[in-house]
Amino acid sequence: MKKVFVILICNLFTISTFSQSINDLDEKNGYKDLSFSSPLETIIKKTNAKLQGWLSTKDLDCYTIRNSEYEKFGNFSGTILLFKSKKDTLIHTIYFSVNKKGAYEFKELIKFFESLYGMETEKETYDYTWKGVKVQLILSYDYVQESTTINIINLEAESRYQEEKEKVRNKTKNEF
């Protein structure tokens, strides 16, 4: 009877730890001290981010960060980009491309994120997702290019951006 009780308690502890970990993703609401709720001007001053016109589109502005404090994710260095809808004042996606090529880095980052946020909430072949209520983190591996990327997405801002794109599509359809 004691063994059953101990196993039950351990399982409940594991489930509650997992829930708290996913909540940590929402509480962080960004990357390091870059919060999705911070005004863009604050982020630019803090990180020395620069607008990259050649990466921007008619709907999105893209900024690169050239600050060694932000160019690391765990033990991995890389390139970090910020994406913002032109109609919004807040960043909606933080994109991180790991410099080293290979599956080893991808596997190590899976372990890293599992230690922070618990088991992934969704998994496809080379995409691992940790989805909270406000924030979603997607770790992806491109098998052909042997590259690893991390996307941290503000779900509310992304939803507004997608709704705006849908309005434009519908308006265009109605014009024809």
N, C-alpha and C. Protein backbone atom coordinates (compact mmCIF):
# COMPACT_ATOMS: atom_id res chain seq x y z
N MET A 1 0.83 -1.19 0.00
CA MET A 1 0.00 0.00 0.00
C MET A 1 0.87 1.25 0.00
N LYS A 2 1.96 1.22 0.80
CA LYS A 2 2.86 2.37 0.85
C LYS A 2 3.49 2.64 -0.51
N LYS A 3 3.85 1.56 -1.23
CA LYS A 3 4.48 1.73 -2.55
C LYS A 3 3.52 2.42 -3.51
N VAL A 4 2.27 2.04 -3.51
CA VAL A 4 1.26 2.65 -4.38
C VAL A 4 1.12 4.13 -4.05
N PHE A 5 1.09 4.44 -2.76
CA PHE A 5 0.95 5.82 -2.31
C PHE A 5 2.16 6.65 -2.76
N VAL A 6 3.38 6.11 -2.60
CA VAL A 6 4.60 6.82 -3.00
C VAL A 6 4.61 7.05 -4.51
N ILE A 7 4.23 6.04 -5.29
CA ILE A 7 4.18 6.18 -6.74
C ILE A 7 3.17 7.24 -7.14
N LEU A 8 2.01 7.24 -6.50
CA LEU A 8 0.98 8.24 -6.78
C LEU A 8 1.47 9.65 -6.47
N ILE A 9 2.13 9.84 -5.34
CA ILE A 9 2.67 11.15 -4.95
C ILE A 9 3.73 11.59 -5.96
N CYS A 10 4.62 10.68 -6.36
CA CYS A 10 5.66 11.02 -7.34
C CYS A 10 5.05 11.45 -8.66
N ASN A 11 4.02 10.75 -9.12
CA ASN A 11 3.36 11.12 -10.37
C ASN A 11 2.69 12.49 -10.26
N LEU A 12 2.05 12.76 -9.16
CA LEU A 12 1.41 14.07 -8.97
C LEU A 12 2.47 15.18 -8.94
N PHE A 13 3.60 14.93 -8.30
CA PHE A 13 4.68 15.92 -8.25
C PHE A 13 5.21 16.19 -9.65
N THR A 14 5.39 15.13 -10.45
CA THR A 14 5.88 15.29 -11.82
C THR A 14 4.91 16.11 -12.65
N ILE A 15 3.62 15.84 -12.53
CA ILE A 15 2.61 16.59 -13.30
C ILE A 15 2.60 18.05 -12.87
N SER A 16 2.66 18.33 -11.57
CA SER A 16 2.63 19.72 -11.12
C SER A 16 3.90 20.45 -11.53
N THR A 17 5.05 19.77 -11.53
CA THR A 17 6.30 20.40 -11.97
C THR A 17 6.21 20.75 -13.44
N PHE A 18 5.63 19.87 -14.25
CA PHE A 18 5.48 20.13 -15.68
C PHE A 18 4.62 21.36 -15.89
N SER A 19 3.52 21.48 -15.17
CA SER A 19 2.63 22.62 -15.32
C SER A 19 3.34 23.91 -14.94
N GLN A 20 4.09 23.89 -13.85
CA GLN A 20 4.82 25.08 -13.44
C GLN A 20 5.84 25.47 -14.49
N SER A 21 6.49 24.50 -15.10
CA SER A 21 7.51 24.79 -16.09
C SER A 21 6.93 25.47 -17.32
N ILE A 22 5.79 24.99 -17.80
CA ILE A 22 5.16 25.64 -18.95
C ILE A 22 4.74 27.06 -18.56
N ASN A 23 4.28 27.23 -17.33
CA ASN A 23 3.92 28.57 -16.86
C ASN A 23 5.12 29.49 -16.84
N ASP A 24 6.32 28.95 -16.59
CA ASP A 24 7.55 29.76 -16.62
C ASP A 24 7.74 30.39 -18.00
N LEU A 25 7.39 29.68 -19.03
CA LEU A 25 7.50 30.20 -20.39
C LEU A 25 6.63 31.44 -20.55
N ASP A 26 5.39 31.37 -20.05
CA ASP A 26 4.50 32.53 -20.11
C ASP A 26 4.98 33.67 -19.22
N GLU A 27 5.47 33.34 -18.03
CA GLU A 27 5.94 34.38 -17.12
C GLU A 27 7.13 35.13 -17.69
N LYS A 28 8.02 34.42 -18.35
CA LYS A 28 9.19 35.05 -18.96
C LYS A 28 8.75 36.00 -20.06
N ASN A 29 7.77 35.59 -20.85
CA ASN A 29 7.15 36.43 -21.88
C ASN A 29 8.17 37.05 -22.82
N GLY A 30 9.15 36.25 -23.23
CA GLY A 30 10.17 36.75 -24.15
C GLY A 30 11.43 35.94 -24.06
N TYR A 31 12.56 36.62 -24.15
CA TYR A 31 13.87 35.98 -24.14
C TYR A 31 14.80 36.81 -23.27
N LYS A 32 15.42 36.16 -22.31
CA LYS A 32 16.25 36.85 -21.32
C LYS A 32 15.44 37.99 -20.73
N ASP A 33 15.93 39.23 -20.82
CA ASP A 33 15.15 40.35 -20.28
C ASP A 33 14.41 41.12 -21.37
N LEU A 34 14.28 40.51 -22.56
CA LEU A 34 13.51 41.12 -23.65
C LEU A 34 12.07 40.62 -23.55
N SER A 35 11.20 41.46 -23.05
CA SER A 35 9.81 41.06 -22.87
C SER A 35 8.99 41.49 -24.08
N PHE A 36 8.04 40.63 -24.45
CA PHE A 36 7.15 40.99 -25.56
C PHE A 36 6.33 42.23 -25.24
N SER A 37 6.18 42.54 -23.98
CA SER A 37 5.39 43.71 -23.60
C SER A 37 6.23 45.00 -23.56
N SER A 38 7.55 44.88 -23.79
CA SER A 38 8.41 46.06 -23.80
C SER A 38 8.25 46.83 -25.11
N PRO A 39 8.23 48.16 -25.03
CA PRO A 39 8.19 48.95 -26.27
C PRO A 39 9.44 48.70 -27.10
N LEU A 40 9.30 48.73 -28.40
CA LEU A 40 10.40 48.47 -29.32
C LEU A 40 11.59 49.39 -29.03
N GLU A 41 11.34 50.66 -28.75
CA GLU A 41 12.42 51.60 -28.49
C GLU A 41 13.30 51.15 -27.32
N THR A 42 12.67 50.59 -26.29
CA THR A 42 13.41 50.09 -25.13
C THR A 42 14.30 48.93 -25.54
N ILE A 43 13.77 48.02 -26.34
CA ILE A 43 14.54 46.86 -26.79
C ILE A 43 15.70 47.30 -27.67
N ILE A 44 15.47 48.27 -28.55
CA ILE A 44 16.53 48.76 -29.44
C ILE A 44 17.67 49.36 -28.61
N LYS A 45 17.33 50.17 -27.62
CA LYS A 45 18.36 50.79 -26.77
C LYS A 45 19.13 49.73 -25.99
N LYS A 46 18.43 48.75 -25.47
CA LYS A 46 19.03 47.72 -24.63
C LYS A 46 19.94 46.79 -25.42
N THR A 47 19.59 46.50 -26.67
CA THR A 47 20.29 45.46 -27.43
C THR A 47 21.09 45.97 -28.62
N ASN A 48 20.96 47.24 -28.93
CA ASN A 48 21.59 47.80 -30.13
C ASN A 48 21.03 47.14 -31.39
N ALA A 49 19.74 46.82 -31.39
CA ALA A 49 19.09 46.20 -32.54
C ALA A 49 19.02 47.19 -33.70
N LYS A 50 19.18 46.67 -34.90
CA LYS A 50 19.14 47.48 -36.11
C LYS A 50 18.09 46.94 -37.07
N LEU A 51 17.33 47.85 -37.68
CA LEU A 51 16.35 47.47 -38.68
C LEU A 51 17.08 46.91 -39.90
N GLN A 52 16.61 45.78 -40.38
CA GLN A 52 17.19 45.15 -41.57
C GLN A 52 16.18 45.20 -42.70
N GLY A 53 16.29 46.23 -43.52
CA GLY A 53 15.35 46.42 -44.62
C GLY A 53 15.29 45.24 -45.57
N TRP A 54 16.43 44.63 -45.85
CA TRP A 54 16.47 43.52 -46.80
C TRP A 54 15.78 42.27 -46.28
N LEU A 55 15.60 42.16 -44.96
CA LEU A 55 14.87 41.03 -44.38
C LEU A 55 13.41 41.38 -44.08
N SER A 56 13.09 42.65 -44.10
CA SER A 56 11.74 43.10 -43.80
C SER A 56 10.85 42.89 -45.02
N THR A 57 9.54 42.84 -44.78
CA THR A 57 8.57 42.70 -45.86
C THR A 57 7.60 43.87 -45.78
N LYS A 58 6.58 43.86 -46.64
CA LYS A 58 5.60 44.94 -46.58
C LYS A 58 4.79 44.89 -45.28
N ASP A 59 4.72 43.72 -44.63
CA ASP A 59 3.95 43.55 -43.40
C ASP A 59 4.80 43.53 -42.13
N LEU A 60 6.07 43.11 -42.28
CA LEU A 60 6.92 42.87 -41.11
C LEU A 60 8.20 43.69 -41.15
N ASP A 61 8.60 44.16 -39.99
CA ASP A 61 9.93 44.74 -39.81
C ASP A 61 10.80 43.69 -39.14
N CYS A 62 12.03 43.60 -39.58
CA CYS A 62 12.98 42.65 -39.01
C CYS A 62 14.16 43.42 -38.44
N TYR A 63 14.55 43.09 -37.22
CA TYR A 63 15.68 43.72 -36.56
C TYR A 63 16.70 42.65 -36.20
N THR A 64 17.99 42.97 -36.35
CA THR A 64 19.04 42.07 -35.88
C THR A 64 19.63 42.67 -34.61
N ILE A 65 20.07 41.78 -33.73
CA ILE A 65 20.71 42.20 -32.49
C ILE A 65 22.19 41.86 -32.60
N ARG A 66 23.01 42.86 -32.38
CA ARG A 66 24.46 42.66 -32.35
C ARG A 66 24.95 42.99 -30.94
N ASN A 67 24.69 42.08 -30.04
CA ASN A 67 25.05 42.28 -28.64
C ASN A 67 25.33 40.89 -28.08
N SER A 68 26.57 40.63 -27.70
CA SER A 68 26.98 39.29 -27.28
C SER A 68 26.16 38.75 -26.12
N GLU A 69 25.61 39.61 -25.29
CA GLU A 69 24.78 39.17 -24.17
C GLU A 69 23.53 38.43 -24.64
N TYR A 70 23.03 38.79 -25.82
CA TYR A 70 21.79 38.19 -26.34
C TYR A 70 22.04 37.15 -27.42
N GLU A 71 23.28 37.00 -27.85
CA GLU A 71 23.59 36.06 -28.93
C GLU A 71 23.94 34.67 -28.42
N LYS A 72 23.46 34.34 -27.23
CA LYS A 72 23.68 33.01 -26.65
C LYS A 72 22.36 32.45 -26.14
N PHE A 73 22.17 31.17 -26.39
CA PHE A 73 21.02 30.43 -25.87
C PHE A 73 21.59 29.21 -25.19
N GLY A 74 21.58 29.21 -23.86
CA GLY A 74 22.27 28.13 -23.16
C GLY A 74 23.75 28.23 -23.48
N ASN A 75 24.35 27.14 -23.94
CA ASN A 75 25.76 27.12 -24.32
C ASN A 75 25.97 27.40 -25.80
N PHE A 76 24.92 27.76 -26.51
CA PHE A 76 25.02 27.90 -27.96
C PHE A 76 24.93 29.36 -28.38
N SER A 77 25.80 29.72 -29.31
CA SER A 77 25.76 31.08 -29.83
C SER A 77 25.07 31.07 -31.19
N GLY A 78 24.60 32.23 -31.58
CA GLY A 78 23.90 32.29 -32.86
C GLY A 78 23.50 33.71 -33.23
N THR A 79 22.65 33.79 -34.21
CA THR A 79 22.13 35.06 -34.70
C THR A 79 20.71 35.22 -34.19
N ILE A 80 20.40 36.41 -33.70
CA ILE A 80 19.06 36.64 -33.18
C ILE A 80 18.38 37.74 -33.99
N LEU A 81 17.14 37.46 -34.38
CA LEU A 81 16.32 38.41 -35.13
C LEU A 81 15.02 38.66 -34.37
N LEU A 82 14.52 39.87 -34.49
CA LEU A 82 13.23 40.24 -33.90
C LEU A 82 12.29 40.61 -35.03
N PHE A 83 11.05 40.14 -34.98
CA PHE A 83 10.06 40.48 -36.00
C PHE A 83 8.90 41.22 -35.36
N LYS A 84 8.45 42.26 -36.05
CA LYS A 84 7.36 43.09 -35.57
C LYS A 84 6.46 43.43 -36.74
N SER A 85 5.16 43.31 -36.54
CA SER A 85 4.21 43.74 -37.56
C SER A 85 4.31 45.25 -37.70
N LYS A 86 4.22 45.75 -38.91
CA LYS A 86 4.29 47.21 -39.12
C LYS A 86 3.12 47.92 -38.46
N LYS A 87 2.03 47.19 -38.18
CA LYS A 87 0.86 47.82 -37.58
C LYS A 87 0.83 47.67 -36.06
N ASP A 88 1.88 47.08 -35.49
CA ASP A 88 1.93 46.85 -34.05
C ASP A 88 3.18 47.53 -33.51
N THR A 89 3.18 47.87 -32.25
CA THR A 89 4.34 48.51 -31.64
C THR A 89 5.21 47.53 -30.87
N LEU A 90 4.76 46.29 -30.75
CA LEU A 90 5.49 45.30 -29.96
C LEU A 90 6.06 44.19 -30.85
N ILE A 91 7.17 43.62 -30.42
CA ILE A 91 7.78 42.47 -31.09
C ILE A 91 6.83 41.28 -30.96
N HIS A 92 6.67 40.50 -32.04
CA HIS A 92 5.82 39.31 -31.90
C HIS A 92 6.59 38.01 -32.07
N THR A 93 7.80 38.04 -32.63
CA THR A 93 8.59 36.81 -32.75
C THR A 93 10.06 37.12 -32.50
N ILE A 94 10.69 36.27 -31.70
CA ILE A 94 12.13 36.31 -31.51
C ILE A 94 12.66 35.04 -32.17
N TYR A 95 13.55 35.20 -33.14
CA TYR A 95 14.09 34.10 -33.92
C TYR A 95 15.57 33.96 -33.62
N PHE A 96 16.02 32.75 -33.34
CA PHE A 96 17.41 32.50 -33.00
C PHE A 96 17.92 31.37 -33.87
N SER A 97 18.98 31.63 -34.63
CA SER A 97 19.59 30.60 -35.47
C SER A 97 20.92 30.19 -34.84
N VAL A 98 21.07 28.91 -34.51
CA VAL A 98 22.28 28.42 -33.86
C VAL A 98 23.41 28.37 -34.88
N ASN A 99 24.59 28.88 -34.48
CA ASN A 99 25.73 28.96 -35.40
C ASN A 99 26.27 27.60 -35.80
N LYS A 100 26.40 26.67 -34.84
CA LYS A 100 26.96 25.35 -35.16
C LYS A 100 25.94 24.52 -35.93
N LYS A 101 26.43 23.79 -36.90
CA LYS A 101 25.58 22.92 -37.70
C LYS A 101 25.65 21.50 -37.16
N GLY A 102 24.53 20.79 -37.20
CA GLY A 102 24.53 19.38 -36.81
C GLY A 102 23.42 19.02 -35.85
N ALA A 103 23.12 17.74 -35.84
CA ALA A 103 22.03 17.22 -35.01
C ALA A 103 22.38 17.24 -33.52
N TYR A 104 23.67 17.22 -33.18
CA TYR A 104 24.07 17.22 -31.77
C TYR A 104 23.51 18.44 -31.05
N GLU A 105 23.65 19.62 -31.65
CA GLU A 105 23.18 20.86 -31.04
C GLU A 105 21.66 20.81 -30.83
N PHE A 106 20.95 20.28 -31.82
CA PHE A 106 19.50 20.14 -31.72
C PHE A 106 19.12 19.27 -30.53
N LYS A 107 19.78 18.12 -30.41
CA LYS A 107 19.49 17.20 -29.30
C LYS A 107 19.82 17.82 -27.95
N GLU A 108 20.93 18.56 -27.89
CA GLU A 108 21.30 19.22 -26.64
C GLU A 108 20.30 20.31 -26.27
N LEU A 109 19.80 21.04 -27.26
CA LEU A 109 18.80 22.08 -26.99
C LEU A 109 17.47 21.47 -26.55
N ILE A 110 17.12 20.30 -27.05
CA ILE A 110 15.91 19.61 -26.57
C ILE A 110 16.06 19.37 -25.06
N LYS A 111 17.21 18.84 -24.64
CA LYS A 111 17.46 18.59 -23.22
C LYS A 111 17.41 19.90 -22.42
N PHE A 112 18.00 20.95 -22.98
CA PHE A 112 18.04 22.25 -22.31
C PHE A 112 16.62 22.76 -22.06
N PHE A 113 15.78 22.74 -23.09
CA PHE A 113 14.41 23.24 -22.94
C PHE A 113 13.56 22.33 -22.06
N GLU A 114 13.79 21.03 -22.12
CA GLU A 114 13.07 20.12 -21.22
C GLU A 114 13.43 20.40 -19.77
N SER A 115 14.69 20.77 -19.51
CA SER A 115 15.08 21.10 -18.14
C SER A 115 14.41 22.39 -17.67
N LEU A 116 14.15 23.31 -18.59
CA LEU A 116 13.49 24.58 -18.24
C LEU A 116 11.97 24.47 -18.19
N TYR A 117 11.38 23.79 -19.19
CA TYR A 117 9.93 23.84 -19.38
C TYR A 117 9.24 22.49 -19.34
N GLY A 118 9.97 21.42 -19.05
CA GLY A 118 9.37 20.09 -19.04
C GLY A 118 9.29 19.52 -20.45
N MET A 119 8.55 18.45 -20.60
CA MET A 119 8.40 17.81 -21.92
C MET A 119 7.65 18.74 -22.87
N GLU A 120 7.98 18.63 -24.13
CA GLU A 120 7.31 19.44 -25.15
C GLU A 120 5.81 19.18 -25.14
N THR A 121 5.03 20.18 -25.55
CA THR A 121 3.58 20.01 -25.60
C THR A 121 3.14 19.47 -26.95
N GLU A 122 3.96 19.68 -27.98
CA GLU A 122 3.69 19.14 -29.32
C GLU A 122 5.02 18.69 -29.92
N LYS A 123 4.95 17.65 -30.74
CA LYS A 123 6.17 17.15 -31.35
C LYS A 123 5.87 16.61 -32.74
N GLU A 124 6.64 17.10 -33.70
CA GLU A 124 6.64 16.51 -35.04
C GLU A 124 8.06 16.01 -35.26
N THR A 125 8.36 15.47 -36.40
CA THR A 125 9.66 14.84 -36.62
C THR A 125 10.83 15.70 -36.15
N TYR A 126 10.96 16.91 -36.67
CA TYR A 126 12.08 17.77 -36.31
C TYR A 126 11.62 19.10 -35.71
N ASP A 127 10.43 19.15 -35.18
CA ASP A 127 9.90 20.35 -34.53
C ASP A 127 9.39 19.97 -33.14
N TYR A 128 9.92 20.64 -32.15
CA TYR A 128 9.48 20.45 -30.77
C TYR A 128 8.87 21.76 -30.31
N THR A 129 7.68 21.71 -29.72
CA THR A 129 6.98 22.92 -29.32
C THR A 129 6.64 22.87 -27.84
N TRP A 130 6.92 23.98 -27.17
CA TRP A 130 6.50 24.18 -25.80
C TRP A 130 5.52 25.36 -25.86
N LYS A 131 4.25 25.07 -25.62
CA LYS A 131 3.22 26.09 -25.81
C LYS A 131 2.55 26.44 -24.49
N GLY A 132 2.68 27.69 -24.12
CA GLY A 132 1.98 28.21 -22.96
C GLY A 132 0.70 28.89 -23.41
N VAL A 133 0.14 29.70 -22.55
CA VAL A 133 -1.08 30.45 -22.89
C VAL A 133 -0.72 31.69 -23.71
N LYS A 134 0.38 32.37 -23.33
CA LYS A 134 0.78 33.61 -23.99
C LYS A 134 1.95 33.44 -24.95
N VAL A 135 2.81 32.47 -24.68
CA VAL A 135 4.06 32.34 -25.44
C VAL A 135 4.23 30.90 -25.92
N GLN A 136 4.79 30.79 -27.12
CA GLN A 136 5.08 29.48 -27.69
C GLN A 136 6.54 29.46 -28.12
N LEU A 137 7.25 28.40 -27.79
CA LEU A 137 8.63 28.23 -28.20
C LEU A 137 8.70 27.03 -29.13
N ILE A 138 9.29 27.22 -30.30
CA ILE A 138 9.42 26.12 -31.27
C ILE A 138 10.90 25.91 -31.57
N LEU A 139 11.38 24.71 -31.32
CA LEU A 139 12.74 24.32 -31.64
C LEU A 139 12.67 23.46 -32.89
N SER A 140 13.37 23.87 -33.95
CA SER A 140 13.29 23.17 -35.24
C SER A 140 14.67 22.78 -35.73
N TYR A 141 14.69 21.67 -36.44
CA TYR A 141 15.94 21.21 -37.06
C TYR A 141 15.69 20.96 -38.53
N ASP A 142 16.53 21.55 -39.37
CA ASP A 142 16.46 21.34 -40.82
C ASP A 142 17.49 20.27 -41.15
N TYR A 143 17.00 19.08 -41.45
CA TYR A 143 17.87 17.93 -41.67
C TYR A 143 18.78 18.13 -42.87
N VAL A 144 18.29 18.77 -43.92
CA VAL A 144 19.08 18.97 -45.14
C VAL A 144 20.22 19.96 -44.89
N GLN A 145 19.92 21.09 -44.27
CA GLN A 145 20.95 22.10 -44.01
C GLN A 145 21.67 21.90 -42.68
N GLU A 146 21.21 20.92 -41.91
CA GLU A 146 21.76 20.63 -40.59
C GLU A 146 21.78 21.86 -39.69
N SER A 147 20.69 22.63 -39.74
CA SER A 147 20.62 23.86 -38.95
C SER A 147 19.51 23.79 -37.92
N THR A 148 19.75 24.44 -36.79
CA THR A 148 18.81 24.48 -35.69
C THR A 148 18.34 25.91 -35.48
N THR A 149 17.02 26.08 -35.34
CA THR A 149 16.46 27.40 -35.08
C THR A 149 15.49 27.33 -33.91
N ILE A 150 15.34 28.48 -33.26
CA ILE A 150 14.42 28.62 -32.13
C ILE A 150 13.53 29.81 -32.43
N ASN A 151 12.23 29.62 -32.34
CA ASN A 151 11.27 30.72 -32.48
C ASN A 151 10.52 30.86 -31.17
N ILE A 152 10.52 32.07 -30.62
CA ILE A 152 9.73 32.37 -29.44
C ILE A 152 8.66 33.34 -29.91
N ILE A 153 7.40 32.94 -29.78
CA ILE A 153 6.30 33.68 -30.39
C ILE A 153 5.34 34.20 -29.34
N ASN A 154 5.02 35.48 -29.43
CA ASN A 154 3.98 36.09 -28.61
C ASN A 154 2.66 35.74 -29.28
N LEU A 155 1.90 34.84 -28.70
CA LEU A 155 0.70 34.31 -29.36
C LEU A 155 -0.36 35.38 -29.61
N GLU A 156 -0.49 36.34 -28.71
CA GLU A 156 -1.48 37.40 -28.89
C GLU A 156 -1.11 38.29 -30.07
N ALA A 157 0.14 38.73 -30.14
CA ALA A 157 0.58 39.59 -31.24
C ALA A 157 0.56 38.83 -32.56
N GLU A 158 0.94 37.55 -32.53
CA GLU A 158 0.91 36.74 -33.74
C GLU A 158 -0.52 36.59 -34.25
N SER A 159 -1.46 36.42 -33.33
CA SER A 159 -2.87 36.30 -33.69
C SER A 159 -3.35 37.59 -34.37
N ARG A 160 -2.98 38.75 -33.81
CA ARG A 160 -3.36 40.04 -34.41
C ARG A 160 -2.77 40.16 -35.81
N TYR A 161 -1.52 39.76 -35.96
CA TYR A 161 -0.84 39.82 -37.25
C TYR A 161 -1.54 38.93 -38.28
N GLN A 162 -1.88 37.70 -37.89
CA GLN A 162 -2.56 36.78 -38.80
C GLN A 162 -3.95 37.28 -39.17
N GLU A 163 -4.66 37.86 -38.20
CA GLU A 163 -5.99 38.44 -38.48
C GLU A 163 -5.88 39.57 -39.50
N GLU A 164 -4.87 40.40 -39.35
CA GLU A 164 -4.66 41.52 -40.28
C GLU A 164 -4.35 40.99 -41.68
N LYS A 165 -3.52 39.95 -41.77
CA LYS A 165 -3.22 39.35 -43.07
C LYS A 165 -4.48 38.77 -43.70
N GLU A 166 -5.32 38.16 -42.89
CA GLU A 166 -6.57 37.57 -43.39
C GLU A 166 -7.50 38.67 -43.92
N LYS A 167 -7.58 39.79 -43.23
CA LYS A 167 -8.40 40.92 -43.69
C LYS A 167 -7.94 41.40 -45.06
N VAL A 168 -6.62 41.50 -45.22
CA VAL A 168 -6.05 41.95 -46.51
C VAL A 168 -6.38 40.94 -47.60
N ARG A 169 -6.25 39.64 -47.29
CA ARG A 169 -6.58 38.60 -48.27
C ARG A 169 -8.05 38.68 -48.68
N ASN A 170 -8.93 38.82 -47.69
CA ASN A 170 -10.36 38.89 -47.98
C ASN A 170 -10.71 40.15 -48.78
N LYS A 171 -10.08 41.25 -48.45
CA LYS A 171 -10.31 42.49 -49.19
C LYS A 171 -9.88 42.32 -50.65
N THR A 172 -8.73 41.68 -50.84
CA THR A 172 -8.23 41.44 -52.19
C THR A 172 -9.16 40.53 -52.96
N LYS A 173 -9.66 39.48 -52.31
CA LYS A 173 -10.60 38.56 -52.96
C LYS A 173 -11.88 39.29 -53.38
N ASN A 174 -12.38 40.14 -52.49
CA ASN A 174 -13.62 40.86 -52.77
C ASN A 174 -13.49 41.88 -53.89
N GLU A 175 -12.25 42.35 -54.12
CA GLU A 175 -12.03 43.33 -55.18
C GLU A 175 -12.06 42.69 -56.56
N PHE A 176 -11.85 41.36 -56.62
CA PHE A 176 -11.85 40.67 -57.91
C PHE A 176 -13.16 40.08 -58.19
